[in-house]
Amino acid sequence: MSQTPDTEPIISSPADFSLEDHSPREEAPPSPVDAYARPEDVRFAPTISRGVRSRGQDSNTQNTIVMLLAGGQGERLYPLTRDRAKPSVPIGGVYRIIDFALSNCINSGMRRILVLTQYKSFSLQRHIQAAWELFNPVMGEYIDVIPPQQRNVQRWYQGTADAIFQNIYMLEQEKPAHVVILSGDHIYKMDYSKMLDFHVQNGADLTISCTKVPRAEAFRFGVAGTDPDGRINRFVEKPKDPPGIPGDEEHSYSSMGVYIFSTEVLVRRVIEDVKTDTEHDFGKNIIPRMVRGGDRVFAYPFVDENRSPNRPSDEVYWRDIGTIESYYDANMDLVSVSPQFNLYDEHWPIHRRSQPGPTARTLSHGPDRVPMVVDSLLSTGAIVSGARVERSILGPRSFVHSYADVQDSILFDDVEIGRHCKIKRAIIDKHVKIPAGTQIGYDLELDRKRFTVSPEGIVVVPKGLALK
């Protein structure tokens, strides 16, 4: 974890904001917004991060901070987000959604990470403390979870840009030359250091990672129009007439929500934005204003690090886990015969500290109680006792009793499936005990009276639900 000084600077004037001043200041009451630094007065003198250089870091990555936005409510993922933030939702048995973005950071040599939380953050904070003790403070590495501090304004985060604004003091303290801004609820594999090199080589104020999408489908995304050299000349959220890519007019550049800012420019732009009546959102407000104002904004074509032999070479893997359906599909891909996302690639591993516990096992109790596990993932401590499990994911310490049949389903931690149960196309959250003989997923009308059923018929059993 990063080391925080006893007194932290308060940003209330251009003089206070100057990152060239290393002297401590006394804590002062928060200032009103009008007293913040004028954007034109911001001056920035970046310094190399504290500690010695870590393995895998170059001068660019070492002088970069990651700010990972992890405060989303995830309303469309309810009830999985009833007790947790969306980035904290379990996936693939032993992972959380945020683990994919964090793994990208580690694999990219970026080890100064601030996770900005807001909504029901306890589960996420506990996960990071338990699973991400991979950082060495002596080497200048850290991952810090930062809830809203309300240091300068007495409010929660009002948007993505406002979340950065309310944590400007961290940039003043750390003095990075570059800031990588990520979302904690996307699944993909990406080397941010390659994007950072592109950003530096182009002398960019902002670089946006973009994927190619068919132009006819681009109306659903934030779309960047570019010059032939990749400089963005137009940025529109969900346009009716999306701009095409020069030389490839059948496709458009869709923003992935992965940004690299030059820090001085970022600070100026979020200070400008907080003084205006906007949604304080990067895609809707900050980026269009930067493009119109002549800032050097570039599109970086996404380079996929997901090496999967089962995916066409011209396709990339990037998933926004925003709905029950998209969440379910991402999990089912992992247990398919030919998954598009490769969890086993040593070139780009998905990191996390392993959970303590015994190895998963199967139990046989005679010829009529032989377990069968087909195309499934079994997590630490999971037990299948004389049951059939097919195309499913069993979370840590889950238990499937004899004669039960579990198909196309996702079980979270500490789920117990009783004898003779039949479970199909279901997501069962933590600490649920399904009584013997229960059927889920076979009668959706009955399931709607007891559980949550998605538009596509996926049954979600909430955390801790007591069934009789």
Protein backbone atom coordinates (compact mmCIF):
# COMPACT_ATOMS: atom_id res chain seq x y z
CA MET A 1 0.00 0.00 0.00
CA SER A 2 1.16 3.53 -0.63
CA GLN A 3 2.52 5.61 2.20
CA THR A 4 0.47 8.74 2.95
CA PRO A 5 2.09 11.72 4.66
CA ASP A 6 0.70 12.98 7.95
CA THR A 7 -0.48 16.17 6.26
CA GLU A 8 -1.88 16.21 2.74
CA PRO A 9 -2.06 19.30 0.52
CA ILE A 10 -5.35 21.05 -0.02
CA ILE A 11 -5.97 22.42 -3.50
CA SER A 12 -7.41 25.86 -3.06
CA SER A 13 -5.33 28.19 -5.22
CA PRO A 14 -2.82 28.07 -8.07
CA ALA A 15 0.00 28.36 -5.57
CA ASP A 16 -1.32 25.43 -3.56
CA PHE A 17 -1.80 23.36 -6.67
CA SER A 18 1.75 23.78 -7.97
CA LEU A 19 3.31 20.34 -7.98
CA GLU A 20 6.77 21.83 -7.73
CA ASP A 21 6.25 22.60 -4.02
CA HIS A 22 7.31 19.64 -1.86
CA SER A 23 6.84 21.26 1.54
CA PRO A 24 4.06 19.98 3.83
CA ARG A 25 1.11 22.20 4.60
CA GLU A 26 -1.28 22.27 7.48
CA GLU A 27 -4.67 20.71 6.85
CA ALA A 28 -7.26 23.36 6.03
CA PRO A 29 -11.03 23.26 5.68
CA PRO A 30 -12.27 22.38 2.19
CA SER A 31 -12.51 25.36 -0.12
CA PRO A 32 -15.52 26.19 -2.28
CA VAL A 33 -15.31 25.22 -5.93
CA ASP A 34 -14.78 28.83 -7.05
CA ALA A 35 -11.55 28.97 -5.06
CA TYR A 36 -9.88 26.13 -6.97
CA ALA A 37 -6.96 26.74 -9.25
CA ARG A 38 -7.69 28.47 -12.50
CA PRO A 39 -6.97 25.91 -15.25
CA GLU A 40 -4.60 28.27 -17.05
CA ASP A 41 -2.50 28.60 -13.90
CA VAL A 42 -1.84 24.89 -13.43
CA ARG A 43 1.85 24.03 -13.66
CA PHE A 44 3.14 20.52 -13.42
CA ALA A 45 6.62 19.18 -12.71
CA PRO A 46 6.47 15.36 -12.78
CA THR A 47 8.90 13.29 -10.79
CA ILE A 48 9.85 9.62 -10.94
CA SER A 49 7.81 7.47 -8.57
CA ARG A 50 9.04 6.75 -5.09
CA GLY A 51 11.15 3.65 -4.69
CA VAL A 52 13.42 1.92 -7.18
CA ARG A 53 12.27 0.71 -10.55
CA SER A 54 10.27 -2.51 -10.61
CA ARG A 55 10.89 -5.30 -13.04
CA GLY A 56 8.96 -4.75 -16.27
CA GLN A 57 8.82 -0.97 -15.88
CA ASP A 58 10.40 1.57 -18.22
CA SER A 59 10.66 5.30 -17.73
CA ASN A 60 7.17 5.85 -19.14
CA THR A 61 5.33 3.25 -17.07
CA GLN A 62 7.29 4.17 -13.96
CA ASN A 63 6.11 7.76 -14.32
CA THR A 64 2.46 6.77 -14.68
CA ILE A 65 -0.42 6.33 -12.26
CA VAL A 66 -3.53 4.26 -12.93
CA MET A 67 -6.87 5.56 -11.68
CA LEU A 68 -9.36 2.73 -11.91
CA LEU A 69 -13.03 3.72 -11.69
CA ALA A 70 -14.83 1.09 -9.62
CA GLY A 71 -17.81 2.90 -8.17
CA GLY A 72 -20.57 1.77 -10.52
CA GLN A 73 -23.89 0.63 -9.06
CA GLY A 74 -24.54 -1.93 -11.78
CA GLU A 75 -28.32 -1.60 -11.59
CA ARG A 76 -28.85 -3.88 -14.59
CA LEU A 77 -26.90 -6.62 -12.79
CA TYR A 78 -29.26 -6.60 -9.82
CA PRO A 79 -29.59 -8.66 -7.60
CA LEU A 80 -25.92 -9.59 -8.03
CA THR A 81 -25.10 -5.98 -7.11
CA ARG A 82 -27.49 -5.79 -4.17
CA ASP A 83 -24.61 -6.11 -1.69
CA ARG A 84 -21.57 -5.31 -3.83
CA ALA A 85 -20.27 -2.92 -6.49
CA LYS A 86 -20.31 -4.19 -10.05
CA PRO A 87 -16.50 -4.64 -10.30
CA SER A 88 -16.71 -6.91 -7.25
CA VAL A 89 -19.13 -9.42 -8.80
CA PRO A 90 -17.53 -12.90 -8.92
CA ILE A 91 -16.76 -14.38 -12.33
CA GLY A 92 -15.15 -17.59 -13.52
CA GLY A 93 -15.34 -19.17 -10.07
CA VAL A 94 -12.40 -17.53 -8.31
CA TYR A 95 -12.12 -14.09 -9.92
CA ARG A 96 -13.89 -10.76 -9.60
CA ILE A 97 -14.64 -8.60 -12.64
CA ILE A 98 -12.05 -6.03 -11.55
CA ASP A 99 -9.28 -8.67 -11.62
CA PHE A 100 -9.06 -8.45 -15.41
CA ALA A 101 -8.25 -4.72 -15.51
CA LEU A 102 -5.87 -5.09 -12.56
CA SER A 103 -4.10 -7.98 -14.30
CA ASN A 104 -3.67 -5.81 -17.38
CA CYS A 105 -1.98 -3.22 -15.18
CA ILE A 106 0.44 -5.74 -13.66
CA ASN A 107 1.24 -7.33 -17.02
CA SER A 108 1.82 -3.85 -18.49
CA GLY A 109 4.36 -2.95 -15.80
CA MET A 110 2.05 -0.41 -14.13
CA ARG A 111 2.15 -0.84 -10.38
CA ARG A 112 0.90 2.44 -8.96
CA ILE A 113 -2.86 1.99 -8.88
CA LEU A 114 -5.66 3.97 -7.25
CA VAL A 115 -9.04 2.23 -7.18
CA LEU A 116 -11.79 4.85 -6.84
CA THR A 117 -14.84 3.34 -5.16
CA GLN A 118 -18.23 4.63 -4.11
CA TYR A 119 -21.17 2.23 -4.19
CA LYS A 120 -21.20 -0.61 -1.61
CA SER A 121 -17.42 -0.85 -1.68
CA PHE A 122 -16.78 -3.10 1.33
CA SER A 123 -16.79 -6.34 -0.68
CA LEU A 124 -14.43 -4.86 -3.26
CA GLN A 125 -12.07 -3.45 -0.66
CA ARG A 126 -11.92 -6.77 1.17
CA HIS A 127 -11.23 -8.61 -2.09
CA ILE A 128 -8.35 -6.32 -3.03
CA GLN A 129 -6.83 -6.63 0.44
CA ALA A 130 -7.03 -10.43 0.32
CA ALA A 131 -6.29 -11.20 -3.33
CA TRP A 132 -3.96 -8.41 -4.41
CA GLU A 133 -1.11 -8.45 -1.91
CA LEU A 134 1.23 -8.58 -4.88
CA PHE A 135 2.82 -5.15 -4.49
CA ASN A 136 6.14 -4.20 -2.94
CA PRO A 137 6.13 -0.69 -1.39
CA VAL A 138 9.94 -0.71 -1.29
CA MET A 139 9.86 -0.88 -5.09
CA GLY A 140 7.41 2.00 -5.30
CA GLU A 141 4.42 -0.26 -5.92
CA TYR A 142 0.96 0.02 -4.41
CA ILE A 143 -2.73 -0.46 -4.92
CA ASP A 144 -4.89 1.85 -2.82
CA VAL A 145 -8.67 1.79 -2.50
CA ILE A 146 -9.98 5.36 -2.33
CA PRO A 147 -13.64 5.98 -1.39
CA PRO A 148 -15.03 9.51 -1.84
CA GLN A 149 -13.02 11.73 0.49
CA GLN A 150 -15.25 14.81 0.16
CA ARG A 151 -12.10 16.83 0.80
CA ASN A 152 -12.96 19.75 -1.43
CA VAL A 153 -16.71 19.43 -1.93
CA GLN A 154 -19.34 17.81 0.28
CA ARG A 155 -20.83 15.40 -2.23
CA TRP A 156 -20.46 11.96 -3.74
CA TYR A 157 -18.92 11.52 -7.19
CA GLN A 158 -21.21 13.06 -9.79
CA GLY A 159 -19.59 11.41 -12.81
CA THR A 160 -16.36 9.88 -14.09
CA ALA A 161 -14.61 13.24 -14.47
CA ASP A 162 -15.80 14.40 -11.06
CA ALA A 163 -14.27 11.26 -9.50
CA ILE A 164 -10.90 12.30 -10.88
CA PHE A 165 -11.41 15.92 -9.83
CA GLN A 166 -12.13 14.96 -6.25
CA ASN A 167 -8.84 13.04 -6.13
CA ILE A 168 -6.58 15.65 -7.72
CA TYR A 169 -4.71 15.82 -4.44
CA MET A 170 -3.39 12.30 -5.14
CA LEU A 171 -1.88 13.54 -8.40
CA GLU A 172 -0.32 16.46 -6.56
CA GLN A 173 1.16 14.04 -4.06
CA GLU A 174 2.46 11.50 -6.60
CA LYS A 175 3.40 13.82 -9.50
CA PRO A 176 3.03 11.40 -12.44
CA ALA A 177 3.62 12.57 -16.00
CA HIS A 178 0.76 10.40 -17.28
CA VAL A 179 -2.53 9.11 -15.89
CA VAL A 180 -4.23 5.96 -17.16
CA ILE A 181 -7.98 5.98 -16.50
CA LEU A 182 -9.79 2.63 -16.65
CA SER A 183 -13.16 1.12 -15.91
CA GLY A 184 -13.31 -1.76 -13.45
CA ASP A 185 -16.16 -3.64 -15.14
CA HIS A 186 -14.74 -4.62 -18.54
CA ILE A 187 -13.15 -7.93 -19.53
CA TYR A 188 -10.29 -7.87 -22.02
CA LYS A 189 -6.51 -8.29 -22.26
CA MET A 190 -4.49 -5.21 -23.15
CA ASP A 191 -0.91 -4.00 -22.80
CA TYR A 192 -1.32 -0.43 -21.59
CA SER A 193 2.43 0.20 -21.97
CA LYS A 194 2.10 -0.07 -25.76
CA MET A 195 -0.70 2.49 -25.68
CA LEU A 196 1.43 4.71 -23.43
CA ASP A 197 4.32 4.57 -25.91
CA PHE A 198 1.89 5.59 -28.67
CA HIS A 199 0.66 8.45 -26.48
CA VAL A 200 4.18 9.76 -25.82
CA GLN A 201 5.37 9.36 -29.41
CA ASN A 202 2.44 11.43 -30.69
CA GLY A 203 2.87 14.14 -28.08
CA ALA A 204 -0.79 13.57 -27.21
CA ASP A 205 -2.77 15.34 -24.54
CA LEU A 206 -5.20 12.42 -24.48
CA THR A 207 -5.18 9.00 -26.12
CA ILE A 208 -8.33 6.86 -26.31
CA SER A 209 -8.21 3.12 -26.94
CA CYS A 210 -10.73 2.22 -29.64
CA THR A 211 -12.05 -0.93 -31.24
CA LYS A 212 -13.37 -1.26 -34.76
CA VAL A 213 -17.10 -1.89 -34.95
CA PRO A 214 -19.38 -2.12 -37.98
CA ARG A 215 -20.52 1.39 -38.79
CA ALA A 216 -24.15 0.24 -38.79
CA GLU A 217 -23.78 -0.78 -35.11
CA ALA A 218 -21.71 2.18 -33.91
CA PHE A 219 -24.74 4.23 -32.86
CA ARG A 220 -24.67 2.34 -29.54
CA PHE A 221 -21.22 3.60 -28.54
CA GLY A 222 -19.04 6.64 -28.07
CA VAL A 223 -17.51 7.08 -31.52
CA ALA A 224 -14.33 8.86 -32.62
CA GLY A 225 -13.87 10.37 -36.06
CA THR A 226 -10.19 10.62 -37.00
CA ASP A 227 -7.78 12.13 -39.48
CA PRO A 228 -5.59 9.68 -41.44
CA ASP A 229 -2.86 10.05 -38.78
CA GLY A 230 -5.24 8.94 -36.02
CA ARG A 231 -5.87 12.35 -34.49
CA ILE A 232 -9.47 12.64 -33.37
CA ASN A 233 -11.42 15.44 -35.04
CA ARG A 234 -14.84 14.48 -33.71
CA PHE A 235 -16.14 12.57 -30.70
CA VAL A 236 -19.83 11.82 -30.27
CA GLU A 237 -21.75 9.64 -27.81
CA LYS A 238 -24.23 7.33 -29.58
CA PRO A 239 -24.34 9.27 -32.88
CA LYS A 240 -27.16 8.83 -35.39
CA ASP A 241 -24.63 9.03 -38.25
CA PRO A 242 -21.35 7.57 -36.95
CA PRO A 243 -18.16 8.71 -38.70
CA GLY A 244 -16.21 6.04 -40.54
CA ILE A 245 -12.52 5.21 -40.29
CA PRO A 246 -10.36 6.82 -43.01
CA GLY A 247 -9.69 4.09 -45.56
CA ASP A 248 -12.28 1.79 -43.95
CA GLU A 249 -15.61 3.59 -44.14
CA GLU A 250 -17.58 0.43 -43.30
CA HIS A 251 -16.27 0.57 -39.74
CA SER A 252 -16.12 3.14 -36.95
CA TYR A 253 -13.84 3.62 -33.97
CA SER A 254 -15.69 2.86 -30.73
CA SER A 255 -14.24 4.08 -27.44
CA MET A 256 -13.36 1.36 -24.91
CA GLY A 257 -13.33 3.77 -21.97
CA VAL A 258 -9.55 3.38 -21.65
CA TYR A 259 -7.82 6.77 -21.53
CA ILE A 260 -4.27 8.02 -21.13
CA PHE A 261 -3.94 11.69 -20.22
CA SER A 262 -0.96 13.91 -19.86
CA THR A 263 -1.45 14.86 -16.24
CA GLU A 264 -1.25 18.62 -16.57
CA VAL A 265 -3.93 18.60 -19.28
CA LEU A 266 -6.14 16.24 -17.27
CA VAL A 267 -6.00 18.50 -14.23
CA ARG A 268 -6.85 21.58 -16.24
CA ARG A 269 -9.78 19.95 -18.01
CA VAL A 270 -11.44 18.48 -14.91
CA ILE A 271 -11.09 21.81 -13.10
CA GLU A 272 -12.78 23.52 -16.05
CA ASP A 273 -15.52 20.91 -16.09
CA VAL A 274 -16.37 21.08 -12.39
CA LYS A 275 -17.21 24.77 -12.80
CA THR A 276 -19.78 24.07 -15.52
CA ASP A 277 -23.25 22.56 -15.41
CA THR A 278 -22.55 19.20 -17.08
CA GLU A 279 -22.81 15.51 -16.29
CA HIS A 280 -19.08 15.58 -15.46
CA ASP A 281 -18.50 12.64 -17.78
CA PHE A 282 -15.43 12.02 -19.94
CA GLY A 283 -17.30 10.70 -22.96
CA LYS A 284 -20.13 13.22 -22.90
CA ASN A 285 -18.33 16.36 -21.75
CA ILE A 286 -14.55 16.32 -21.32
CA ILE A 287 -13.49 14.61 -24.56
CA PRO A 288 -15.80 16.52 -26.96
CA ARG A 289 -14.69 19.79 -25.37
CA MET A 290 -11.02 18.85 -25.73
CA VAL A 291 -11.47 17.94 -29.40
CA ARG A 292 -13.33 21.19 -30.14
CA GLY A 293 -10.70 23.16 -28.23
CA GLY A 294 -7.81 21.85 -30.30
CA ASP A 295 -6.17 19.53 -27.78
CA ARG A 296 -4.09 16.73 -29.28
CA VAL A 297 -6.46 13.79 -28.89
CA PHE A 298 -5.59 10.51 -30.62
CA ALA A 299 -7.31 7.16 -31.22
CA TYR A 300 -5.23 4.11 -30.36
CA PRO A 301 -6.34 0.96 -32.24
CA PHE A 302 -6.85 -1.73 -29.59
CA VAL A 303 -4.21 -4.47 -29.70
CA ASP A 304 -5.70 -7.63 -28.17
CA GLU A 305 -3.35 -9.67 -25.96
CA ASN A 306 -5.90 -12.49 -25.67
CA ARG A 307 -4.24 -15.39 -27.44
CA SER A 308 -7.01 -17.84 -28.12
CA PRO A 309 -6.80 -20.37 -30.96
CA ASN A 310 -10.60 -20.47 -31.02
CA ARG A 311 -11.10 -16.84 -32.01
CA PRO A 312 -10.86 -15.53 -35.59
CA SER A 313 -7.68 -13.49 -36.05
CA ASP A 314 -9.60 -10.40 -37.14
CA GLU A 315 -11.77 -10.34 -33.99
CA VAL A 316 -10.90 -8.86 -30.62
CA TYR A 317 -12.24 -9.80 -27.20
CA TRP A 318 -13.68 -6.91 -25.18
CA ARG A 319 -16.78 -7.29 -23.03
CA ASP A 320 -18.72 -4.70 -21.06
CA ILE A 321 -20.34 -6.69 -18.24
CA GLY A 322 -23.42 -4.53 -17.90
CA THR A 323 -26.39 -6.91 -17.85
CA ILE A 324 -27.31 -10.32 -16.49
CA GLU A 325 -27.17 -11.66 -20.05
CA SER A 326 -23.69 -10.31 -20.82
CA TYR A 327 -22.44 -11.55 -17.45
CA TYR A 328 -23.92 -15.00 -18.01
CA ASP A 329 -22.55 -15.24 -21.56
CA ALA A 330 -19.04 -14.27 -20.43
CA ASN A 331 -19.08 -17.06 -17.85
CA MET A 332 -20.50 -19.63 -20.24
CA ASP A 333 -17.75 -18.81 -22.72
CA LEU A 334 -15.21 -19.90 -20.11
CA VAL A 335 -16.71 -23.41 -19.90
CA SER A 336 -17.33 -23.83 -23.62
CA VAL A 337 -15.34 -26.39 -25.59
CA SER A 338 -13.65 -23.58 -27.52
CA PRO A 339 -13.64 -20.49 -25.27
CA GLN A 340 -12.96 -17.13 -26.87
CA PHE A 341 -11.28 -15.84 -23.72
CA ASN A 342 -8.15 -17.74 -22.69
CA LEU A 343 -7.75 -18.06 -18.91
CA TYR A 344 -4.75 -20.36 -19.28
CA ASP A 345 -2.43 -18.19 -21.37
CA GLU A 346 0.93 -17.84 -19.60
CA HIS A 347 1.77 -14.92 -21.89
CA TRP A 348 -0.94 -12.75 -20.30
CA PRO A 349 -2.06 -14.34 -17.02
CA ILE A 350 -5.02 -13.25 -14.92
CA HIS A 351 -3.48 -12.57 -11.53
CA ARG A 352 -4.84 -12.89 -8.03
CA ARG A 353 -3.58 -14.39 -4.81
CA SER A 354 -4.86 -17.95 -4.50
CA GLN A 355 -7.53 -18.64 -1.93
CA PRO A 356 -6.52 -21.00 0.87
CA GLY A 357 -8.41 -24.25 0.98
CA PRO A 358 -8.43 -27.85 -0.21
CA THR A 359 -8.44 -28.97 -3.82
CA ALA A 360 -11.82 -29.54 -5.48
CA ARG A 361 -12.92 -33.17 -5.53
CA THR A 362 -15.57 -35.61 -6.72
CA LEU A 363 -17.08 -38.41 -4.61
CA SER A 364 -18.53 -41.71 -5.79
CA HIS A 365 -20.83 -43.83 -3.61
CA GLY A 366 -21.43 -46.88 -5.78
CA PRO A 367 -22.54 -47.60 -9.34
CA ASP A 368 -25.74 -45.55 -9.08
CA ARG A 369 -24.05 -42.51 -7.47
CA VAL A 370 -21.10 -41.84 -9.76
CA PRO A 371 -20.28 -38.15 -10.21
CA MET A 372 -20.04 -36.77 -13.73
CA VAL A 373 -18.47 -33.38 -14.38
CA VAL A 374 -18.44 -32.22 -18.01
CA ASP A 375 -17.07 -28.94 -19.44
CA SER A 376 -17.10 -27.21 -16.06
CA LEU A 377 -14.88 -25.19 -13.72
CA LEU A 378 -14.52 -26.33 -10.10
CA SER A 379 -13.05 -23.84 -7.65
CA THR A 380 -11.09 -24.42 -4.45
CA GLY A 381 -12.94 -26.67 -2.03
CA ALA A 382 -15.83 -27.48 -4.38
CA ILE A 383 -17.30 -30.98 -4.02
CA VAL A 384 -19.44 -32.96 -6.45
CA SER A 385 -20.82 -36.01 -4.67
CA GLY A 386 -22.57 -38.50 -6.94
CA ALA A 387 -24.13 -35.71 -9.03
CA ARG A 388 -24.01 -34.52 -12.62
CA VAL A 389 -22.52 -31.10 -13.39
CA GLU A 390 -22.42 -29.97 -17.00
CA ARG A 391 -21.25 -26.66 -18.54
CA SER A 392 -21.26 -24.97 -15.15
CA ILE A 393 -19.02 -23.03 -12.77
CA LEU A 394 -18.80 -24.05 -9.12
CA GLY A 395 -17.50 -21.40 -6.74
CA PRO A 396 -15.26 -22.01 -3.72
CA ARG A 397 -16.64 -24.49 -1.16
CA SER A 398 -19.78 -25.20 -3.16
CA PHE A 399 -21.31 -28.65 -2.67
CA VAL A 400 -23.52 -30.61 -5.07
CA HIS A 401 -25.16 -33.62 -3.43
CA SER A 402 -26.01 -36.99 -4.92
CA TYR A 403 -28.52 -37.34 -7.75
CA ALA A 404 -28.56 -33.58 -8.37
CA ASP A 405 -28.30 -32.29 -11.94
CA VAL A 406 -26.71 -28.87 -12.55
CA GLN A 407 -26.57 -27.60 -16.13
CA ASP A 408 -25.44 -24.29 -17.70
CA SER A 409 -25.31 -22.61 -14.30
CA ILE A 410 -23.05 -20.48 -12.10
CA LEU A 411 -22.73 -21.18 -8.38
CA PHE A 412 -21.01 -18.62 -6.17
CA ASP A 413 -19.15 -19.35 -2.91
CA ASP A 414 -20.67 -21.64 -0.28
CA VAL A 415 -23.68 -22.76 -2.32
CA GLU A 416 -25.17 -26.13 -1.43
CA ILE A 417 -27.35 -28.05 -3.88
CA GLY A 418 -29.47 -30.74 -2.21
CA ARG A 419 -30.18 -34.25 -3.41
CA HIS A 420 -32.32 -34.71 -6.52
CA CYS A 421 -32.26 -30.98 -7.32
CA LYS A 422 -32.45 -29.93 -10.96
CA ILE A 423 -30.80 -26.61 -11.78
CA LYS A 424 -30.66 -25.15 -15.30
CA ARG A 425 -29.54 -21.73 -16.64
CA ALA A 426 -29.28 -20.25 -13.17
CA ILE A 427 -26.96 -17.95 -11.25
CA ILE A 428 -26.96 -18.72 -7.52
CA ASP A 429 -25.28 -16.12 -5.32
CA LYS A 430 -23.30 -16.79 -2.13
CA HIS A 431 -24.48 -18.63 0.97
CA VAL A 432 -27.60 -20.22 -0.54
CA LYS A 433 -28.77 -23.70 0.37
CA ILE A 434 -31.12 -25.27 -2.18
CA PRO A 435 -33.37 -27.86 -0.47
CA ALA A 436 -33.53 -31.42 -1.78
CA GLY A 437 -35.79 -31.92 -4.78
CA THR A 438 -35.92 -28.24 -5.79
CA GLN A 439 -36.12 -27.37 -9.48
CA ILE A 440 -34.84 -24.03 -10.79
CA GLY A 441 -34.91 -22.99 -14.43
CA TYR A 442 -37.59 -25.45 -15.54
CA ASP A 443 -40.71 -23.41 -14.70
CA LEU A 444 -39.96 -19.72 -15.28
CA GLU A 445 -43.38 -18.58 -14.11
CA LEU A 446 -42.79 -20.22 -10.74
CA ASP A 447 -39.23 -18.91 -10.69
CA ARG A 448 -40.44 -15.32 -11.20
CA LYS A 449 -42.47 -15.61 -8.00
CA ARG A 450 -39.41 -16.69 -6.01
CA PHE A 451 -36.37 -15.20 -7.73
CA THR A 452 -35.27 -12.75 -10.41
CA VAL A 453 -35.60 -13.90 -14.02
CA SER A 454 -33.85 -11.98 -16.81
CA PRO A 455 -35.52 -11.21 -20.17
CA GLU A 456 -33.70 -14.17 -21.70
CA GLY A 457 -34.81 -16.58 -18.98
CA ILE A 458 -31.74 -16.69 -16.75
CA VAL A 459 -32.77 -17.27 -13.14
CA VAL A 460 -30.87 -15.36 -10.44
CA VAL A 461 -31.10 -16.51 -6.82
CA PRO A 462 -30.03 -13.66 -4.49
CA LYS A 463 -27.27 -13.91 -1.91
CA GLY A 464 -28.20 -15.60 1.36
CA LEU A 465 -31.77 -16.40 0.32
CA ALA A 466 -33.36 -18.95 2.66
CA LEU A 467 -35.40 -21.50 0.71
CA LYS A 468 -37.81 -23.96 2.24
